[in-house]
Amino acid sequence: MAQLVVTYGKPADPAAFDAHYRDVHIPLAKAIPGLRRYEVSDGPVMTPEGPSDAHMIAILYFDSLANIAAAFASPQGQAAAADVAGFATGGASMQMFETREV
């Protein structure tokens, strides 16, 4: 299994971010080929010390890193990636990795 974790910084307008993410970005992302599961944080993002500087975290699951690369090379993946610049005014960082159970 491989995961793509997207951390979104605090946006200029949280309500506008949330509406766009819900109404536009989620449908775009769910159309990405090879996507197995899609989760987003619910409520505030916290650290052991208190509130995080992150607004939202999304975790997308794929079969492998190669599947993530192929997914984002697809027209659907390119559309979802291009959409981020339009609503993520607080920035977005992505990490991709394969996992194993221990």
N, C-alpha and C. Protein backbone atom coordinates (compact mmCIF):
# COMPACT_ATOMS: atom_id res chain seq x y z
N MET A 1 0.86 -1.17 0.00
CA MET A 1 0.00 0.00 0.00
C MET A 1 0.90 1.23 0.00
N ALA A 2 0.46 2.28 -0.65
CA ALA A 2 1.17 3.56 -0.66
C ALA A 2 0.20 4.66 -0.30
N GLN A 3 0.74 5.68 0.34
CA GLN A 3 -0.09 6.80 0.75
C GLN A 3 0.47 8.11 0.22
N LEU A 4 -0.43 9.01 -0.09
CA LEU A 4 -0.10 10.39 -0.41
C LEU A 4 -0.77 11.21 0.68
N VAL A 5 0.03 11.94 1.46
CA VAL A 5 -0.48 12.77 2.54
C VAL A 5 -0.32 14.23 2.12
N VAL A 6 -1.42 14.96 2.11
CA VAL A 6 -1.42 16.38 1.75
C VAL A 6 -1.78 17.17 3.00
N THR A 7 -0.90 18.08 3.38
CA THR A 7 -1.14 18.95 4.52
C THR A 7 -1.41 20.35 3.99
N TYR A 8 -2.58 20.87 4.28
CA TYR A 8 -2.98 22.21 3.83
C TYR A 8 -2.78 23.20 4.97
N GLY A 9 -2.06 24.29 4.69
CA GLY A 9 -1.88 25.35 5.68
C GLY A 9 -3.16 26.15 5.88
N LYS A 10 -3.15 26.99 6.89
CA LYS A 10 -4.32 27.82 7.19
C LYS A 10 -4.62 28.74 6.01
N PRO A 11 -5.80 28.65 5.42
CA PRO A 11 -6.15 29.49 4.27
C PRO A 11 -6.57 30.90 4.70
N ALA A 12 -6.54 31.81 3.76
CA ALA A 12 -6.97 33.19 4.02
C ALA A 12 -8.45 33.22 4.42
N ASP A 13 -9.26 32.38 3.79
CA ASP A 13 -10.69 32.32 4.08
C ASP A 13 -11.07 30.86 4.32
N PRO A 14 -11.05 30.40 5.57
CA PRO A 14 -11.33 28.99 5.85
C PRO A 14 -12.68 28.49 5.31
N ALA A 15 -13.72 29.31 5.39
CA ALA A 15 -15.04 28.88 4.91
C ALA A 15 -15.02 28.67 3.39
N ALA A 16 -14.35 29.56 2.66
CA ALA A 16 -14.25 29.40 1.21
C ALA A 16 -13.42 28.17 0.86
N PHE A 17 -12.33 27.94 1.59
CA PHE A 17 -11.51 26.75 1.39
C PHE A 17 -12.37 25.50 1.57
N ASP A 18 -13.07 25.42 2.71
CA ASP A 18 -13.86 24.25 3.01
C ASP A 18 -14.93 23.99 1.96
N ALA A 19 -15.60 25.04 1.50
CA ALA A 19 -16.65 24.88 0.49
C ALA A 19 -16.06 24.40 -0.83
N HIS A 20 -14.95 25.00 -1.25
CA HIS A 20 -14.33 24.59 -2.52
C HIS A 20 -13.82 23.15 -2.40
N TYR A 21 -13.18 22.84 -1.29
CA TYR A 21 -12.65 21.48 -1.11
C TYR A 21 -13.78 20.46 -1.20
N ARG A 22 -14.85 20.72 -0.49
CA ARG A 22 -16.00 19.80 -0.45
C ARG A 22 -16.69 19.68 -1.81
N ASP A 23 -16.96 20.82 -2.44
CA ASP A 23 -17.80 20.83 -3.63
C ASP A 23 -17.05 20.62 -4.94
N VAL A 24 -15.77 20.99 -4.97
CA VAL A 24 -15.00 20.91 -6.23
C VAL A 24 -13.85 19.91 -6.12
N HIS A 25 -13.02 20.06 -5.10
CA HIS A 25 -11.78 19.27 -5.07
C HIS A 25 -12.02 17.79 -4.79
N ILE A 26 -12.88 17.49 -3.84
CA ILE A 26 -13.14 16.07 -3.54
C ILE A 26 -13.65 15.33 -4.78
N PRO A 27 -14.64 15.85 -5.51
CA PRO A 27 -15.06 15.13 -6.72
C PRO A 27 -13.93 14.96 -7.75
N LEU A 28 -13.08 16.00 -7.91
CA LEU A 28 -11.94 15.86 -8.82
C LEU A 28 -11.00 14.75 -8.35
N ALA A 29 -10.67 14.75 -7.07
CA ALA A 29 -9.73 13.77 -6.54
C ALA A 29 -10.30 12.35 -6.59
N LYS A 30 -11.58 12.20 -6.33
CA LYS A 30 -12.18 10.87 -6.35
C LYS A 30 -12.20 10.26 -7.75
N ALA A 31 -12.01 11.08 -8.77
CA ALA A 31 -11.98 10.58 -10.15
C ALA A 31 -10.58 10.11 -10.56
N ILE A 32 -9.59 10.30 -9.71
CA ILE A 32 -8.22 9.91 -10.04
C ILE A 32 -8.13 8.39 -10.14
N PRO A 33 -7.61 7.88 -11.26
CA PRO A 33 -7.53 6.43 -11.41
C PRO A 33 -6.57 5.80 -10.40
N GLY A 34 -6.97 4.65 -9.89
CA GLY A 34 -6.13 3.90 -8.97
C GLY A 34 -6.30 4.29 -7.51
N LEU A 35 -7.10 5.32 -7.22
CA LEU A 35 -7.34 5.73 -5.84
C LEU A 35 -8.14 4.65 -5.13
N ARG A 36 -7.61 4.16 -4.01
CA ARG A 36 -8.26 3.08 -3.27
C ARG A 36 -9.11 3.60 -2.11
N ARG A 37 -8.64 4.63 -1.45
CA ARG A 37 -9.34 5.19 -0.30
C ARG A 37 -8.92 6.64 -0.15
N TYR A 38 -9.79 7.47 0.40
CA TYR A 38 -9.54 8.91 0.52
C TYR A 38 -10.11 9.36 1.86
N GLU A 39 -9.26 9.90 2.71
CA GLU A 39 -9.68 10.37 4.03
C GLU A 39 -9.23 11.81 4.21
N VAL A 40 -9.99 12.57 4.98
CA VAL A 40 -9.59 13.92 5.35
C VAL A 40 -9.78 14.08 6.85
N SER A 41 -8.97 14.97 7.43
CA SER A 41 -9.11 15.24 8.86
C SER A 41 -10.47 15.89 9.11
N ASP A 42 -10.97 15.68 10.29
CA ASP A 42 -12.28 16.20 10.67
C ASP A 42 -12.09 17.03 11.93
N GLY A 43 -12.29 18.32 11.82
CA GLY A 43 -12.07 19.20 12.97
C GLY A 43 -10.65 19.73 12.97
N PRO A 44 -10.26 20.37 14.07
CA PRO A 44 -8.94 20.98 14.11
C PRO A 44 -7.83 19.93 14.06
N VAL A 45 -6.71 20.30 13.45
CA VAL A 45 -5.51 19.46 13.43
C VAL A 45 -4.68 19.86 14.64
N MET A 46 -4.32 18.89 15.44
CA MET A 46 -3.64 19.15 16.71
C MET A 46 -2.24 18.55 16.72
N THR A 47 -1.41 19.05 17.62
CA THR A 47 -0.11 18.47 17.94
C THR A 47 -0.15 18.15 19.44
N PRO A 48 0.84 17.45 19.97
CA PRO A 48 0.86 17.22 21.42
C PRO A 48 0.89 18.52 22.23
N GLU A 49 1.41 19.58 21.62
CA GLU A 49 1.51 20.87 22.32
C GLU A 49 0.26 21.73 22.15
N GLY A 50 -0.63 21.37 21.25
CA GLY A 50 -1.83 22.17 21.02
C GLY A 50 -2.14 22.27 19.54
N PRO A 51 -2.84 23.33 19.11
CA PRO A 51 -3.24 23.47 17.71
C PRO A 51 -2.05 23.49 16.75
N SER A 52 -2.25 22.88 15.61
CA SER A 52 -1.25 22.83 14.54
C SER A 52 -1.43 24.04 13.63
N ASP A 53 -0.43 24.30 12.80
CA ASP A 53 -0.58 25.36 11.79
C ASP A 53 -1.25 24.81 10.53
N ALA A 54 -1.66 23.54 10.57
CA ALA A 54 -2.35 22.93 9.43
C ALA A 54 -3.86 23.14 9.57
N HIS A 55 -4.51 23.40 8.44
CA HIS A 55 -5.96 23.53 8.41
C HIS A 55 -6.63 22.17 8.20
N MET A 56 -6.03 21.37 7.31
CA MET A 56 -6.62 20.08 6.96
C MET A 56 -5.51 19.15 6.49
N ILE A 57 -5.72 17.86 6.71
CA ILE A 57 -4.83 16.83 6.19
C ILE A 57 -5.68 15.85 5.40
N ALA A 58 -5.22 15.53 4.19
CA ALA A 58 -5.88 14.54 3.35
C ALA A 58 -4.92 13.37 3.16
N ILE A 59 -5.45 12.15 3.21
CA ILE A 59 -4.65 10.95 2.99
C ILE A 59 -5.32 10.16 1.87
N LEU A 60 -4.56 9.96 0.80
CA LEU A 60 -5.05 9.21 -0.36
C LEU A 60 -4.25 7.92 -0.43
N TYR A 61 -4.94 6.80 -0.63
CA TYR A 61 -4.33 5.48 -0.64
C TYR A 61 -4.30 4.91 -2.05
N PHE A 62 -3.17 4.34 -2.41
CA PHE A 62 -2.95 3.70 -3.70
C PHE A 62 -2.25 2.37 -3.46
N ASP A 63 -2.12 1.55 -4.50
CA ASP A 63 -1.45 0.26 -4.36
C ASP A 63 0.07 0.40 -4.24
N SER A 64 0.67 1.42 -4.88
CA SER A 64 2.13 1.58 -4.88
C SER A 64 2.49 3.01 -5.25
N LEU A 65 3.76 3.35 -5.05
CA LEU A 65 4.24 4.67 -5.50
C LEU A 65 4.13 4.80 -7.01
N ALA A 66 4.35 3.71 -7.72
CA ALA A 66 4.20 3.74 -9.18
C ALA A 66 2.76 4.07 -9.56
N ASN A 67 1.79 3.56 -8.80
CA ASN A 67 0.38 3.88 -9.07
C ASN A 67 0.09 5.35 -8.79
N ILE A 68 0.73 5.92 -7.77
CA ILE A 68 0.55 7.35 -7.50
C ILE A 68 1.09 8.17 -8.66
N ALA A 69 2.27 7.81 -9.16
CA ALA A 69 2.86 8.53 -10.29
C ALA A 69 1.96 8.45 -11.51
N ALA A 70 1.44 7.26 -11.80
CA ALA A 70 0.55 7.09 -12.95
C ALA A 70 -0.75 7.86 -12.75
N ALA A 71 -1.25 7.86 -11.52
CA ALA A 71 -2.51 8.57 -11.24
C ALA A 71 -2.37 10.06 -11.51
N PHE A 72 -1.25 10.65 -11.09
CA PHE A 72 -1.08 12.08 -11.27
C PHE A 72 -0.61 12.46 -12.66
N ALA A 73 -0.21 11.47 -13.45
CA ALA A 73 0.09 11.73 -14.87
C ALA A 73 -1.19 11.69 -15.71
N SER A 74 -2.27 11.15 -15.14
CA SER A 74 -3.54 11.05 -15.87
C SER A 74 -4.20 12.42 -15.96
N PRO A 75 -5.12 12.61 -16.92
CA PRO A 75 -5.86 13.88 -16.99
C PRO A 75 -6.60 14.21 -15.69
N GLN A 76 -7.17 13.20 -15.05
CA GLN A 76 -7.89 13.44 -13.80
C GLN A 76 -6.94 13.89 -12.69
N GLY A 77 -5.78 13.25 -12.61
CA GLY A 77 -4.78 13.63 -11.62
C GLY A 77 -4.24 15.02 -11.86
N GLN A 78 -4.02 15.36 -13.12
CA GLN A 78 -3.54 16.70 -13.45
C GLN A 78 -4.58 17.76 -13.13
N ALA A 79 -5.85 17.45 -13.34
CA ALA A 79 -6.92 18.40 -13.01
C ALA A 79 -6.99 18.63 -11.51
N ALA A 80 -6.89 17.56 -10.73
CA ALA A 80 -6.93 17.71 -9.27
C ALA A 80 -5.73 18.49 -8.77
N ALA A 81 -4.54 18.20 -9.30
CA ALA A 81 -3.33 18.92 -8.89
C ALA A 81 -3.42 20.39 -9.26
N ALA A 82 -3.92 20.70 -10.44
CA ALA A 82 -4.03 22.10 -10.89
C ALA A 82 -5.04 22.87 -10.04
N ASP A 83 -6.04 22.19 -9.53
CA ASP A 83 -7.07 22.85 -8.73
C ASP A 83 -6.53 23.39 -7.41
N VAL A 84 -5.50 22.76 -6.87
CA VAL A 84 -4.98 23.14 -5.55
C VAL A 84 -4.58 24.61 -5.50
N ALA A 85 -3.93 25.10 -6.53
CA ALA A 85 -3.48 26.50 -6.54
C ALA A 85 -4.64 27.49 -6.42
N GLY A 86 -5.82 27.09 -6.81
CA GLY A 86 -6.96 27.99 -6.78
C GLY A 86 -7.63 28.15 -5.43
N PHE A 87 -7.38 27.23 -4.49
CA PHE A 87 -8.08 27.34 -3.20
C PHE A 87 -7.15 27.22 -1.99
N ALA A 88 -5.96 26.67 -2.15
CA ALA A 88 -5.06 26.42 -1.02
C ALA A 88 -4.18 27.64 -0.77
N THR A 89 -4.81 28.73 -0.34
CA THR A 89 -4.08 29.99 -0.14
C THR A 89 -3.07 29.91 1.00
N GLY A 90 -3.19 28.92 1.86
CA GLY A 90 -2.23 28.71 2.95
C GLY A 90 -1.12 27.76 2.56
N GLY A 91 -1.11 27.33 1.30
CA GLY A 91 -0.11 26.39 0.82
C GLY A 91 -0.51 24.95 1.07
N ALA A 92 0.19 24.06 0.41
CA ALA A 92 -0.05 22.63 0.55
C ALA A 92 1.28 21.90 0.39
N SER A 93 1.52 20.93 1.24
CA SER A 93 2.71 20.09 1.09
C SER A 93 2.27 18.65 0.93
N MET A 94 3.04 17.90 0.13
CA MET A 94 2.69 16.50 -0.13
C MET A 94 3.87 15.60 0.20
N GLN A 95 3.55 14.48 0.81
CA GLN A 95 4.52 13.43 1.06
C GLN A 95 3.91 12.12 0.53
N MET A 96 4.75 11.32 -0.12
CA MET A 96 4.32 10.03 -0.65
C MET A 96 5.24 8.95 -0.12
N PHE A 97 4.67 7.81 0.23
CA PHE A 97 5.49 6.73 0.76
C PHE A 97 4.72 5.42 0.69
N GLU A 98 5.48 4.33 0.65
CA GLU A 98 4.88 3.01 0.75
C GLU A 98 4.90 2.60 2.21
N THR A 99 3.94 1.78 2.59
CA THR A 99 3.83 1.36 3.98
C THR A 99 3.93 -0.16 4.07
N ARG A 100 4.26 -0.60 5.28
CA ARG A 100 4.24 -2.03 5.60
C ARG A 100 3.74 -2.18 7.02
N GLU A 101 3.05 -3.22 7.28
CA GLU A 101 2.57 -3.46 8.63
C GLU A 101 3.70 -4.02 9.48
N VAL A 102 3.80 -3.57 10.71
CA VAL A 102 4.86 -4.07 11.61
C VAL A 102 4.26 -4.65 12.87
